[in-house]
Amino acid sequence: MTLYSLYAPKNQAPLAVADRFSWSAALVPPLHALAHGLWLMLALWVTKVVALGVASLWIGGEAAFWCYVLLAIWLGFAASEFHRRKAEQAGAFAGDWIADDADAATVAYLKQRAG
């Protein structure tokens, strides 16, 4: 079971955002950010990679590699927050639901709203 945050944009279907680790955000951050329109995440990733490239001159390549690994792990955990912030801009927060998948959370929200 996963915790889903639901956002209800006007005249659109509700958006369900899962609160869990994102493997795609950890393994291929720029592709994940581009695929989901997370421009802030992409800008942060580019900034951090450039900073690590410059810092590697002083701290060494191996230390820069391990710093990148930590950055990738952090992005995997933070991806849901980036999705949540994007969804907040699209619509109002409708609540949190625990469900097996995003569709079940959306159905639970719609049932609660209708009845």
PDB file of N, CA and C in Angstrom:
ATOM      1  N   MET A   1       0.833  -1.177   0.000  1.00  0.00           N
ATOM      2  CA  MET A   1       0.000   0.000   0.000  1.00  0.00           C
ATOM      3  C   MET A   1       0.884   1.249   0.000  1.00  0.00           C
ATOM      4  N   THR A   2       0.424   2.241  -0.681  1.00  0.00           N
ATOM      5  CA  THR A   2       1.184   3.475  -0.834  1.00  0.00           C
ATOM      6  C   THR A   2       0.293   4.659  -0.486  1.00  0.00           C
ATOM      7  N   LEU A   3       0.889   5.695   0.045  1.00  0.00           N
ATOM      8  CA  LEU A   3       0.176   6.929   0.331  1.00  0.00           C
ATOM      9  C   LEU A   3       0.162   7.781  -0.941  1.00  0.00           C
ATOM     10  N   TYR A   4      -1.029   8.207  -1.337  1.00  0.00           N
ATOM     11  CA  TYR A   4      -1.196   9.057  -2.514  1.00  0.00           C
ATOM     12  C   TYR A   4      -1.785  10.385  -2.091  1.00  0.00           C
ATOM     13  N   SER A   5      -1.234  11.467  -2.623  1.00  0.00           N
ATOM     14  CA  SER A   5      -1.807  12.794  -2.442  1.00  0.00           C
ATOM     15  C   SER A   5      -2.607  13.101  -3.698  1.00  0.00           C
ATOM     16  N   LEU A   6      -3.853  13.531  -3.503  1.00  0.00           N
ATOM     17  CA  LEU A   6      -4.727  13.827  -4.630  1.00  0.00           C
ATOM     18  C   LEU A   6      -4.868  15.325  -4.801  1.00  0.00           C
ATOM     19  N   TYR A   7      -4.816  15.757  -6.062  1.00  0.00           N
ATOM     20  CA  TYR A   7      -5.004  17.160  -6.405  1.00  0.00           C
ATOM     21  C   TYR A   7      -6.102  17.231  -7.441  1.00  0.00           C
ATOM     22  N   ALA A   8      -7.024  18.156  -7.279  1.00  0.00           N
ATOM     23  CA  ALA A   8      -8.191  18.254  -8.154  1.00  0.00           C
ATOM     24  C   ALA A   8      -8.159  19.551  -8.951  1.00  0.00           C
ATOM     25  N   PRO A   9      -7.564  19.521 -10.141  1.00  0.00           N
ATOM     26  CA  PRO A   9      -7.610  20.709 -10.998  1.00  0.00           C
ATOM     27  C   PRO A   9      -9.025  20.934 -11.517  1.00  0.00           C
ATOM     28  N   LYS A  10      -9.388  22.158 -11.758  1.00  0.00           N
ATOM     29  CA  LYS A  10     -10.729  22.466 -12.264  1.00  0.00           C
ATOM     30  C   LYS A  10     -10.883  21.892 -13.669  1.00  0.00           C
ATOM     31  N   ASN A  11     -12.021  21.244 -13.901  1.00  0.00           N
ATOM     32  CA  ASN A  11     -12.394  20.687 -15.209  1.00  0.00           C
ATOM     33  C   ASN A  11     -11.409  19.641 -15.729  1.00  0.00           C
ATOM     34  N   GLN A  12     -10.709  18.954 -14.842  1.00  0.00           N
ATOM     35  CA  GLN A  12      -9.780  17.885 -15.236  1.00  0.00           C
ATOM     36  C   GLN A  12      -9.917  16.732 -14.250  1.00  0.00           C
ATOM     37  N   ALA A  13      -9.380  15.601 -14.651  1.00  0.00           N
ATOM     38  CA  ALA A  13      -9.371  14.443 -13.758  1.00  0.00           C
ATOM     39  C   ALA A  13      -8.407  14.707 -12.597  1.00  0.00           C
ATOM     40  N   PRO A  14      -8.703  14.147 -11.429  1.00  0.00           N
ATOM     41  CA  PRO A  14      -7.803  14.327 -10.284  1.00  0.00           C
ATOM     42  C   PRO A  14      -6.428  13.719 -10.563  1.00  0.00           C
ATOM     43  N   LEU A  15      -5.401  14.333 -10.000  1.00  0.00           N
ATOM     44  CA  LEU A  15      -4.033  13.832 -10.133  1.00  0.00           C
ATOM     45  C   LEU A  15      -3.632  13.146  -8.842  1.00  0.00           C
ATOM     46  N   ALA A  16      -3.123  11.922  -8.941  1.00  0.00           N
ATOM     47  CA  ALA A  16      -2.658  11.176  -7.774  1.00  0.00           C
ATOM     48  C   ALA A  16      -1.133  11.134  -7.804  1.00  0.00           C
ATOM     49  N   VAL A  17      -0.497  11.583  -6.728  1.00  0.00           N
ATOM     50  CA  VAL A  17       0.965  11.593  -6.628  1.00  0.00           C
ATOM     51  C   VAL A  17       1.379  10.635  -5.522  1.00  0.00           C
ATOM     52  N   ALA A  18       2.145   9.611  -5.888  1.00  0.00           N
ATOM     53  CA  ALA A  18       2.583   8.603  -4.925  1.00  0.00           C
ATOM     54  C   ALA A  18       3.736   9.138  -4.081  1.00  0.00           C
ATOM     55  N   ASP A  19       3.729   8.774  -2.817  1.00  0.00           N
ATOM     56  CA  ASP A  19       4.809   9.159  -1.911  1.00  0.00           C
ATOM     57  C   ASP A  19       5.730   7.955  -1.740  1.00  0.00           C
ATOM     58  N   ARG A  20       6.638   7.798  -2.709  1.00  0.00           N
ATOM     59  CA  ARG A  20       7.571   6.668  -2.671  1.00  0.00           C
ATOM     60  C   ARG A  20       8.829   7.003  -3.469  1.00  0.00           C
ATOM     61  N   PHE A  21       9.825   6.139  -3.333  1.00  0.00           N
ATOM     62  CA  PHE A  21      11.092   6.300  -4.035  1.00  0.00           C
ATOM     63  C   PHE A  21      10.877   6.114  -5.533  1.00  0.00           C
ATOM     64  N   SER A  22      11.497   6.967  -6.336  1.00  0.00           N
ATOM     65  CA  SER A  22      11.388   6.883  -7.788  1.00  0.00           C
ATOM     66  C   SER A  22      12.713   6.407  -8.368  1.00  0.00           C
ATOM     67  N   TRP A  23      12.708   5.186  -8.898  1.00  0.00           N
ATOM     68  CA  TRP A  23      13.935   4.643  -9.484  1.00  0.00           C
ATOM     69  C   TRP A  23      14.353   5.403 -10.734  1.00  0.00           C
ATOM     70  N   SER A  24      13.396   5.842 -11.545  1.00  0.00           N
ATOM     71  CA  SER A  24      13.765   6.574 -12.761  1.00  0.00           C
ATOM     72  C   SER A  24      14.404   7.914 -12.418  1.00  0.00           C
ATOM     73  N   ALA A  25      13.934   8.554 -11.362  1.00  0.00           N
ATOM     74  CA  ALA A  25      14.530   9.833 -10.951  1.00  0.00           C
ATOM     75  C   ALA A  25      15.934   9.621 -10.404  1.00  0.00           C
ATOM     76  N   ALA A  26      16.191   8.475  -9.793  1.00  0.00           N
ATOM     77  CA  ALA A  26      17.519   8.203  -9.247  1.00  0.00           C
ATOM     78  C   ALA A  26      18.500   7.765 -10.331  1.00  0.00           C
ATOM     79  N   LEU A  27      18.036   6.970 -11.295  1.00  0.00           N
ATOM     80  CA  LEU A  27      18.943   6.412 -12.294  1.00  0.00           C
ATOM     81  C   LEU A  27      19.163   7.329 -13.495  1.00  0.00           C
ATOM     82  N   VAL A  28      18.123   8.000 -13.942  1.00  0.00           N
ATOM     83  CA  VAL A  28      18.239   8.909 -15.093  1.00  0.00           C
ATOM     84  C   VAL A  28      17.499  10.216 -14.797  1.00  0.00           C
ATOM     85  N   PRO A  29      18.029  11.027 -13.881  1.00  0.00           N
ATOM     86  CA  PRO A  29      17.320  12.239 -13.449  1.00  0.00           C
ATOM     87  C   PRO A  29      16.907  13.188 -14.569  1.00  0.00           C
ATOM     88  N   PRO A  30      17.785  13.480 -15.546  1.00  0.00           N
ATOM     89  CA  PRO A  30      17.335  14.452 -16.553  1.00  0.00           C
ATOM     90  C   PRO A  30      16.191  13.919 -17.408  1.00  0.00           C
ATOM     91  N   LEU A  31      16.206  12.632 -17.733  1.00  0.00           N
ATOM     92  CA  LEU A  31      15.115  12.063 -18.527  1.00  0.00           C
ATOM     93  C   LEU A  31      13.809  12.045 -17.732  1.00  0.00           C
ATOM     94  N   HIS A  32      13.909  11.710 -16.457  1.00  0.00           N
ATOM     95  CA  HIS A  32      12.717  11.718 -15.592  1.00  0.00           C
ATOM     96  C   HIS A  32      12.140  13.131 -15.515  1.00  0.00           C
ATOM     97  N   ALA A  33      13.000  14.098 -15.313  1.00  0.00           N
ATOM     98  CA  ALA A  33      12.532  15.491 -15.202  1.00  0.00           C
ATOM     99  C   ALA A  33      11.906  15.968 -16.511  1.00  0.00           C
ATOM    100  N   LEU A  34      12.523  15.644 -17.632  1.00  0.00           N
ATOM    101  CA  LEU A  34      11.976  16.054 -18.922  1.00  0.00           C
ATOM    102  C   LEU A  34      10.649  15.351 -19.219  1.00  0.00           C
ATOM    103  N   ALA A  35      10.567  14.064 -18.914  1.00  0.00           N
ATOM    104  CA  ALA A  35       9.357  13.298 -19.196  1.00  0.00           C
ATOM    105  C   ALA A  35       8.165  13.796 -18.391  1.00  0.00           C
ATOM    106  N   HIS A  36       8.411  14.314 -17.188  1.00  0.00           N
ATOM    107  CA  HIS A  36       7.325  14.750 -16.319  1.00  0.00           C
ATOM    108  C   HIS A  36       7.187  16.272 -16.236  1.00  0.00           C
ATOM    109  N   GLY A  37       7.995  16.995 -16.991  1.00  0.00           N
ATOM    110  CA  GLY A  37       7.905  18.452 -16.992  1.00  0.00           C
ATOM    111  C   GLY A  37       8.334  19.090 -15.683  1.00  0.00           C
ATOM    112  N   LEU A  38       9.294  18.480 -15.013  1.00  0.00           N
ATOM    113  CA  LEU A  38       9.779  18.994 -13.723  1.00  0.00           C
ATOM    114  C   LEU A  38      11.014  19.866 -13.971  1.00  0.00           C
ATOM    115  N   TRP A  39      10.777  21.092 -14.361  1.00  0.00           N
ATOM    116  CA  TRP A  39      11.869  21.976 -14.776  1.00  0.00           C
ATOM    117  C   TRP A  39      12.757  22.375 -13.606  1.00  0.00           C
ATOM    118  N   LEU A  40      12.191  22.548 -12.438  1.00  0.00           N
ATOM    119  CA  LEU A  40      13.001  22.886 -11.266  1.00  0.00           C
ATOM    120  C   LEU A  40      13.954  21.742 -10.930  1.00  0.00           C
ATOM    121  N   MET A  41      13.470  20.518 -11.006  1.00  0.00           N
ATOM    122  CA  MET A  41      14.315  19.352 -10.744  1.00  0.00           C
ATOM    123  C   MET A  41      15.444  19.269 -11.770  1.00  0.00           C
ATOM    124  N   LEU A  42      15.135  19.530 -13.027  1.00  0.00           N
ATOM    125  CA  LEU A  42      16.156  19.504 -14.072  1.00  0.00           C
ATOM    126  C   LEU A  42      17.202  20.592 -13.842  1.00  0.00           C
ATOM    127  N   ALA A  43      16.757  21.793 -13.510  1.00  0.00           N
ATOM    128  CA  ALA A  43      17.691  22.887 -13.253  1.00  0.00           C
ATOM    129  C   ALA A  43      18.578  22.585 -12.044  1.00  0.00           C
ATOM    130  N   LEU A  44      17.992  22.010 -11.013  1.00  0.00           N
ATOM    131  CA  LEU A  44      18.768  21.637  -9.829  1.00  0.00           C
ATOM    132  C   LEU A  44      19.807  20.577 -10.171  1.00  0.00           C
ATOM    133  N   TRP A  45      19.412  19.588 -10.955  1.00  0.00           N
ATOM    134  CA  TRP A  45      20.336  18.512 -11.339  1.00  0.00           C
ATOM    135  C   TRP A  45      21.506  19.075 -12.155  1.00  0.00           C
ATOM    136  N   VAL A  46      21.205  19.930 -13.132  1.00  0.00           N
ATOM    137  CA  VAL A  46      22.267  20.517 -13.958  1.00  0.00           C
ATOM    138  C   VAL A  46      23.220  21.332 -13.094  1.00  0.00           C
ATOM    139  N   THR A  47      22.665  22.137 -12.193  1.00  0.00           N
ATOM    140  CA  THR A  47      23.488  22.960 -11.306  1.00  0.00           C
ATOM    141  C   THR A  47      24.390  22.102 -10.434  1.00  0.00           C
ATOM    142  N   LYS A  48      23.829  21.043  -9.858  1.00  0.00           N
ATOM    143  CA  LYS A  48      24.611  20.162  -8.973  1.00  0.00           C
ATOM    144  C   LYS A  48      25.691  19.413  -9.742  1.00  0.00           C
ATOM    145  N   VAL A  49      25.395  18.959 -10.952  1.00  0.00           N
ATOM    146  CA  VAL A  49      26.394  18.228 -11.742  1.00  0.00           C
ATOM    147  C   VAL A  49      27.535  19.159 -12.148  1.00  0.00           C
ATOM    148  N   VAL A  50      27.219  20.380 -12.531  1.00  0.00           N
ATOM    149  CA  VAL A  50      28.265  21.348 -12.871  1.00  0.00           C
ATOM    150  C   VAL A  50      29.115  21.655 -11.641  1.00  0.00           C
ATOM    151  N   ALA A  51      28.457  21.842 -10.493  1.00  0.00           N
ATOM    152  CA  ALA A  51      29.190  22.114  -9.252  1.00  0.00           C
ATOM    153  C   ALA A  51      30.081  20.932  -8.872  1.00  0.00           C
ATOM    154  N   LEU A  52      29.585  19.714  -9.050  1.00  0.00           N
ATOM    155  CA  LEU A  52      30.410  18.541  -8.761  1.00  0.00           C
ATOM    156  C   LEU A  52      31.580  18.427  -9.725  1.00  0.00           C
ATOM    157  N   GLY A  53      31.357  18.798 -10.978  1.00  0.00           N
ATOM    158  CA  GLY A  53      32.453  18.791 -11.955  1.00  0.00           C
ATOM    159  C   GLY A  53      33.562  19.744 -11.557  1.00  0.00           C
ATOM    160  N   VAL A  54      33.185  20.925 -11.107  1.00  0.00           N
ATOM    161  CA  VAL A  54      34.182  21.907 -10.665  1.00  0.00           C
ATOM    162  C   VAL A  54      34.829  21.448  -9.357  1.00  0.00           C
ATOM    163  N   ALA A  55      34.013  20.942  -8.439  1.00  0.00           N
ATOM    164  CA  ALA A  55      34.541  20.498  -7.144  1.00  0.00           C
ATOM    165  C   ALA A  55      35.467  19.292  -7.286  1.00  0.00           C
ATOM    166  N   SER A  56      35.265  18.495  -8.339  1.00  0.00           N
ATOM    167  CA  SER A  56      36.104  17.308  -8.511  1.00  0.00           C
ATOM    168  C   SER A  56      37.568  17.668  -8.727  1.00  0.00           C
ATOM    169  N   LEU A  57      37.836  18.882  -9.165  1.00  0.00           N
ATOM    170  CA  LEU A  57      39.228  19.327  -9.320  1.00  0.00           C
ATOM    171  C   LEU A  57      39.935  19.383  -7.975  1.00  0.00           C
ATOM    172  N   TRP A  58      39.178  19.665  -6.913  1.00  0.00           N
ATOM    173  CA  TRP A  58      39.772  19.768  -5.578  1.00  0.00           C
ATOM    174  C   TRP A  58      39.572  18.505  -4.742  1.00  0.00           C
ATOM    175  N   ILE A  59      38.394  17.894  -4.860  1.00  0.00           N
ATOM    176  CA  ILE A  59      38.115  16.747  -3.995  1.00  0.00           C
ATOM    177  C   ILE A  59      38.469  15.414  -4.638  1.00  0.00           C
ATOM    178  N   GLY A  60      38.712  15.413  -5.938  1.00  0.00           N
ATOM    179  CA  GLY A  60      39.072  14.187  -6.640  1.00  0.00           C
ATOM    180  C   GLY A  60      37.872  13.542  -7.309  1.00  0.00           C
ATOM    181  N   GLY A  61      38.153  12.727  -8.301  1.00  0.00           N
ATOM    182  CA  GLY A  61      37.105  12.091  -9.082  1.00  0.00           C
ATOM    183  C   GLY A  61      36.278  11.093  -8.296  1.00  0.00           C
ATOM    184  N   GLU A  62      36.936  10.308  -7.434  1.00  0.00           N
ATOM    185  CA  GLU A  62      36.209   9.295  -6.672  1.00  0.00           C
ATOM    186  C   GLU A  62      35.232   9.935  -5.681  1.00  0.00           C
ATOM    187  N   ALA A  63      35.673  10.979  -5.009  1.00  0.00           N
ATOM    188  CA  ALA A  63      34.792  11.677  -4.068  1.00  0.00           C
ATOM    189  C   ALA A  63      33.628  12.330  -4.821  1.00  0.00           C
ATOM    190  N   ALA A  64      33.897  12.896  -5.995  1.00  0.00           N
ATOM    191  CA  ALA A  64      32.835  13.504  -6.791  1.00  0.00           C
ATOM    192  C   ALA A  64      31.828  12.439  -7.235  1.00  0.00           C
ATOM    193  N   PHE A  65      32.320  11.251  -7.585  1.00  0.00           N
ATOM    194  CA  PHE A  65      31.431  10.158  -7.966  1.00  0.00           C
ATOM    195  C   PHE A  65      30.495   9.793  -6.822  1.00  0.00           C
ATOM    196  N   TRP A  66      31.031   9.636  -5.613  1.00  0.00           N
ATOM    197  CA  TRP A  66      30.204   9.264  -4.469  1.00  0.00           C
ATOM    198  C   TRP A  66      29.246  10.392  -4.085  1.00  0.00           C
ATOM    199  N   CYS A  67      29.658  11.629  -4.290  1.00  0.00           N
ATOM    200  CA  CYS A  67      28.732  12.752  -4.068  1.00  0.00           C
ATOM    201  C   CYS A  67      27.587  12.690  -5.077  1.00  0.00           C
ATOM    202  N   TYR A  68      27.889  12.301  -6.318  1.00  0.00           N
ATOM    203  CA  TYR A  68      26.837  12.162  -7.327  1.00  0.00           C
ATOM    204  C   TYR A  68      25.889  11.023  -6.956  1.00  0.00           C
ATOM    205  N   VAL A  69      26.428   9.928  -6.447  1.00  0.00           N
ATOM    206  CA  VAL A  69      25.582   8.821  -6.018  1.00  0.00           C
ATOM    207  C   VAL A  69      24.609   9.302  -4.927  1.00  0.00           C
ATOM    208  N   LEU A  70      25.109  10.077  -3.971  1.00  0.00           N
ATOM    209  CA  LEU A  70      24.239  10.636  -2.928  1.00  0.00           C
ATOM    210  C   LEU A  70      23.187  11.572  -3.526  1.00  0.00           C
ATOM    211  N   LEU A  71      23.591  12.369  -4.508  1.00  0.00           N
ATOM    212  CA  LEU A  71      22.646  13.254  -5.191  1.00  0.00           C
ATOM    213  C   LEU A  71      21.562  12.446  -5.883  1.00  0.00           C
ATOM    214  N   ALA A  72      21.938  11.361  -6.547  1.00  0.00           N
ATOM    215  CA  ALA A  72      20.967  10.523  -7.250  1.00  0.00           C
ATOM    216  C   ALA A  72      19.983   9.884  -6.271  1.00  0.00           C
ATOM    217  N   ILE A  73      20.482   9.407  -5.137  1.00  0.00           N
ATOM    218  CA  ILE A  73      19.602   8.821  -4.125  1.00  0.00           C
ATOM    219  C   ILE A  73      18.635   9.882  -3.593  1.00  0.00           C
ATOM    220  N   TRP A  74      19.151  11.066  -3.318  1.00  0.00           N
ATOM    221  CA  TRP A  74      18.288  12.152  -2.836  1.00  0.00           C
ATOM    222  C   TRP A  74      17.204  12.474  -3.871  1.00  0.00           C
ATOM    223  N   LEU A  75      17.574  12.535  -5.154  1.00  0.00           N
ATOM    224  CA  LEU A  75      16.584  12.834  -6.194  1.00  0.00           C
ATOM    225  C   LEU A  75      15.517  11.747  -6.267  1.00  0.00           C
ATOM    226  N   GLY A  76      15.910  10.500  -6.042  1.00  0.00           N
ATOM    227  CA  GLY A  76      14.935   9.413  -6.023  1.00  0.00           C
ATOM    228  C   GLY A  76      13.888   9.604  -4.933  1.00  0.00           C
ATOM    229  N   PHE A  77      14.340  10.052  -3.766  1.00  0.00           N
ATOM    230  CA  PHE A  77      13.400  10.301  -2.666  1.00  0.00           C
ATOM    231  C   PHE A  77      12.633  11.612  -2.852  1.00  0.00           C
ATOM    232  N   ALA A  78      13.259  12.618  -3.447  1.00  0.00           N
ATOM    233  CA  ALA A  78      12.636  13.939  -3.579  1.00  0.00           C
ATOM    234  C   ALA A  78      11.723  14.057  -4.791  1.00  0.00           C
ATOM    235  N   ALA A  79      11.767  13.106  -5.702  1.00  0.00           N
ATOM    236  CA  ALA A  79      10.972  13.208  -6.934  1.00  0.00           C
ATOM    237  C   ALA A  79       9.485  13.363  -6.640  1.00  0.00           C
ATOM    238  N   SER A  80       8.977  12.644  -5.652  1.00  0.00           N
ATOM    239  CA  SER A  80       7.547  12.768  -5.346  1.00  0.00           C
ATOM    240  C   SER A  80       7.206  14.182  -4.873  1.00  0.00           C
ATOM    241  N   GLU A  81       8.123  14.815  -4.172  1.00  0.00           N
ATOM    242  CA  GLU A  81       7.870  16.198  -3.732  1.00  0.00           C
ATOM    243  C   GLU A  81       7.856  17.153  -4.930  1.00  0.00           C
ATOM    244  N   PHE A  82       8.737  16.939  -5.904  1.00  0.00           N
ATOM    245  CA  PHE A  82       8.712  17.757  -7.118  1.00  0.00           C
ATOM    246  C   PHE A  82       7.382  17.553  -7.862  1.00  0.00           C
ATOM    247  N   HIS A  83       6.906  16.301  -7.945  1.00  0.00           N
ATOM    248  CA  HIS A  83       5.613  16.015  -8.577  1.00  0.00           C
ATOM    249  C   HIS A  83       4.482  16.696  -7.805  1.00  0.00           C
ATOM    250  N   ARG A  84       4.561  16.650  -6.475  1.00  0.00           N
ATOM    251  CA  ARG A  84       3.533  17.242  -5.636  1.00  0.00           C
ATOM    252  C   ARG A  84       3.459  18.751  -5.852  1.00  0.00           C
ATOM    253  N   ARG A  85       4.601  19.403  -5.911  1.00  0.00           N
ATOM    254  CA  ARG A  85       4.609  20.860  -6.116  1.00  0.00           C
ATOM    255  C   ARG A  85       4.036  21.235  -7.482  1.00  0.00           C
ATOM    256  N   LYS A  86       4.343  20.415  -8.505  1.00  0.00           N
ATOM    257  CA  LYS A  86       3.786  20.676  -9.831  1.00  0.00           C
ATOM    258  C   LYS A  86       2.270  20.493  -9.809  1.00  0.00           C
ATOM    259  N   ALA A  87       1.791  19.452  -9.132  1.00  0.00           N
ATOM    260  CA  ALA A  87       0.355  19.197  -9.054  1.00  0.00           C
ATOM    261  C   ALA A  87      -0.350  20.297  -8.275  1.00  0.00           C
ATOM    262  N   GLU A  88       0.288  20.859  -7.250  1.00  0.00           N
ATOM    263  CA  GLU A  88      -0.311  21.964  -6.478  1.00  0.00           C
ATOM    264  C   GLU A  88      -0.570  23.170  -7.358  1.00  0.00           C
ATOM    265  N   GLN A  89       0.317  23.388  -8.328  1.00  0.00           N
ATOM    266  CA  GLN A  89       0.122  24.519  -9.230  1.00  0.00           C
ATOM    267  C   GLN A  89      -1.069  24.284 -10.155  1.00  0.00           C
ATOM    268  N   ALA A  90      -1.348  23.009 -10.473  1.00  0.00           N
ATOM    269  CA  ALA A  90      -2.441  22.685 -11.388  1.00  0.00           C
ATOM    270  C   ALA A  90      -3.803  22.701 -10.695  1.00  0.00           C
ATOM    271  N   GLY A  91      -3.835  22.328  -9.413  1.00  0.00           N
ATOM    272  CA  GLY A  91      -5.127  22.269  -8.749  1.00  0.00           C
ATOM    273  C   GLY A  91      -5.000  22.224  -7.248  1.00  0.00           C
ATOM    274  N   ALA A  92      -6.149  22.287  -6.586  1.00  0.00           N
ATOM    275  CA  ALA A  92      -6.190  22.334  -5.132  1.00  0.00           C
ATOM    276  C   ALA A  92      -5.950  20.945  -4.541  1.00  0.00           C
ATOM    277  N   PHE A  93      -5.325  20.916  -3.381  1.00  0.00           N
ATOM    278  CA  PHE A  93      -5.085  19.670  -2.655  1.00  0.00           C
ATOM    279  C   PHE A  93      -6.417  19.093  -2.223  1.00  0.00           C
ATOM    280  N   ALA A  94      -6.622  17.794  -2.519  1.00  0.00           N
ATOM    281  CA  ALA A  94      -7.907  17.163  -2.214  1.00  0.00           C
ATOM    282  C   ALA A  94      -7.810  16.148  -1.090  1.00  0.00           C
ATOM    283  N   GLY A  95      -6.626  15.859  -0.628  1.00  0.00           N
ATOM    284  CA  GLY A  95      -6.470  14.929   0.480  1.00  0.00           C
ATOM    285  C   GLY A  95      -5.489  13.815   0.186  1.00  0.00           C
ATOM    286  N   ASP A  96      -5.252  12.997   1.220  1.00  0.00           N
ATOM    287  CA  ASP A  96      -4.339  11.856   1.110  1.00  0.00           C
ATOM    288  C   ASP A  96      -5.141  10.569   1.210  1.00  0.00           C
ATOM    289  N   TRP A  97      -4.769   9.593   0.386  1.00  0.00           N
ATOM    290  CA  TRP A  97      -5.405   8.281   0.413  1.00  0.00           C
ATOM    291  C   TRP A  97      -4.341   7.204   0.381  1.00  0.00           C
ATOM    292  N   ILE A  98      -4.602   6.129   1.124  1.00  0.00           N
ATOM    293  CA  ILE A  98      -3.734   4.959   1.079  1.00  0.00           C
ATOM    294  C   ILE A  98      -4.417   3.960   0.169  1.00  0.00           C
ATOM    295  N   ALA A  99      -3.693   3.532  -0.877  1.00  0.00           N
ATOM    296  CA  ALA A  99      -4.281   2.621  -1.854  1.00  0.00           C
ATOM    297  C   ALA A  99      -3.190   1.768  -2.494  1.00  0.00           C
ATOM    298  N   ASP A 100      -3.635   0.763  -3.252  1.00  0.00           N
ATOM    299  CA  ASP A 100      -2.694  -0.115  -3.944  1.00  0.00           C
ATOM    300  C   ASP A 100      -2.052   0.567  -5.148  1.00  0.00           C
ATOM    301  N   ASP A 101      -2.807   1.413  -5.825  1.00  0.00           N
ATOM    302  CA  ASP A 101      -2.268   2.123  -6.976  1.00  0.00           C
ATOM    303  C   ASP A 101      -2.984   3.465  -7.141  1.00  0.00           C
ATOM    304  N   ALA A 102      -2.532   4.247  -8.106  1.00  0.00           N
ATOM    305  CA  ALA A 102      -3.066   5.599  -8.299  1.00  0.00           C
ATOM    306  C   ALA A 102      -4.542   5.569  -8.693  1.00  0.00           C
ATOM    307  N   ASP A 103      -4.936   4.581  -9.485  1.00  0.00           N
ATOM    308  CA  ASP A 103      -6.339   4.497  -9.890  1.00  0.00           C
ATOM    309  C   ASP A 103      -7.255   4.239  -8.701  1.00  0.00           C
ATOM    310  N   ALA A 104      -6.841   3.341  -7.804  1.00  0.00           N
ATOM    311  CA  ALA A 104      -7.647   3.046  -6.617  1.00  0.00           C
ATOM    312  C   ALA A 104      -7.773   4.282  -5.723  1.00  0.00           C
ATOM    313  N   ALA A 105      -6.698   5.055  -5.611  1.00  0.00           N
ATOM    314  CA  ALA A 105      -6.756   6.285  -4.821  1.00  0.00           C
ATOM    315  C   ALA A 105      -7.698   7.298  -5.457  1.00  0.00           C
ATOM    316  N   THR A 106      -7.661   7.403  -6.772  1.00  0.00           N
ATOM    317  CA  THR A 106      -8.542   8.329  -7.477  1.00  0.00           C
ATOM    318  C   THR A 106     -10.001   7.913  -7.318  1.00  0.00           C
ATOM    319  N   VAL A 107     -10.285   6.610  -7.436  1.00  0.00           N
ATOM    320  CA  VAL A 107     -11.655   6.117  -7.271  1.00  0.00           C
ATOM    321  C   VAL A 107     -12.147   6.384  -5.853  1.00  0.00           C
ATOM    322  N   ALA A 108     -11.298   6.152  -4.852  1.00  0.00           N
ATOM    323  CA  ALA A 108     -11.685   6.420  -3.464  1.00  0.00           C
ATOM    324  C   ALA A 108     -12.007   7.900  -3.272  1.00  0.00           C
ATOM    325  N   TYR A 109     -11.215   8.772  -3.873  1.00  0.00           N
ATOM    326  CA  TYR A 109     -11.479  10.208  -3.782  1.00  0.00           C
ATOM    327  C   TYR A 109     -12.812  10.563  -4.438  1.00  0.00           C
ATOM    328  N   LEU A 110     -13.037  10.017  -5.637  1.00  0.00           N
ATOM    329  CA  LEU A 110     -14.282  10.340  -6.349  1.00  0.00           C
ATOM    330  C   LEU A 110     -15.509   9.804  -5.614  1.00  0.00           C
ATOM    331  N   LYS A 111     -15.399   8.615  -4.990  1.00  0.00           N
ATOM    332  CA  LYS A 111     -16.507   8.074  -4.194  1.00  0.00           C
ATOM    333  C   LYS A 111     -16.794   8.965  -2.989  1.00  0.00           C
ATOM    334  N   GLN A 112     -15.739   9.417  -2.330  1.00  0.00           N
ATOM    335  CA  GLN A 112     -15.899  10.275  -1.156  1.00  0.00           C
ATOM    336  C   GLN A 112     -16.515  11.612  -1.557  1.00  0.00           C
ATOM    337  N   ARG A 113     -16.126  12.130  -2.702  1.00  0.00           N
ATOM    338  CA  ARG A 113     -16.637  13.411  -3.157  1.00  0.00           C
ATOM    339  C   ARG A 113     -18.097  13.309  -3.601  1.00  0.00           C
ATOM    340  N   ALA A 114     -18.459  12.180  -4.207  1.00  0.00           N
ATOM    341  CA  ALA A 114     -19.826  12.016  -4.714  1.00  0.00           C
ATOM    342  C   ALA A 114     -20.820  11.698  -3.580  1.00  0.00           C
ATOM    343  N   GLY A 115     -20.342  11.016  -2.552  1.00  0.00           N
ATOM    344  CA  GLY A 115     -21.312  10.597  -1.536  1.00  0.00           C
ATOM    345  C   GLY A 115     -20.964  11.089  -0.222  1.00  0.00           C
TER     346      GLY A 115
END
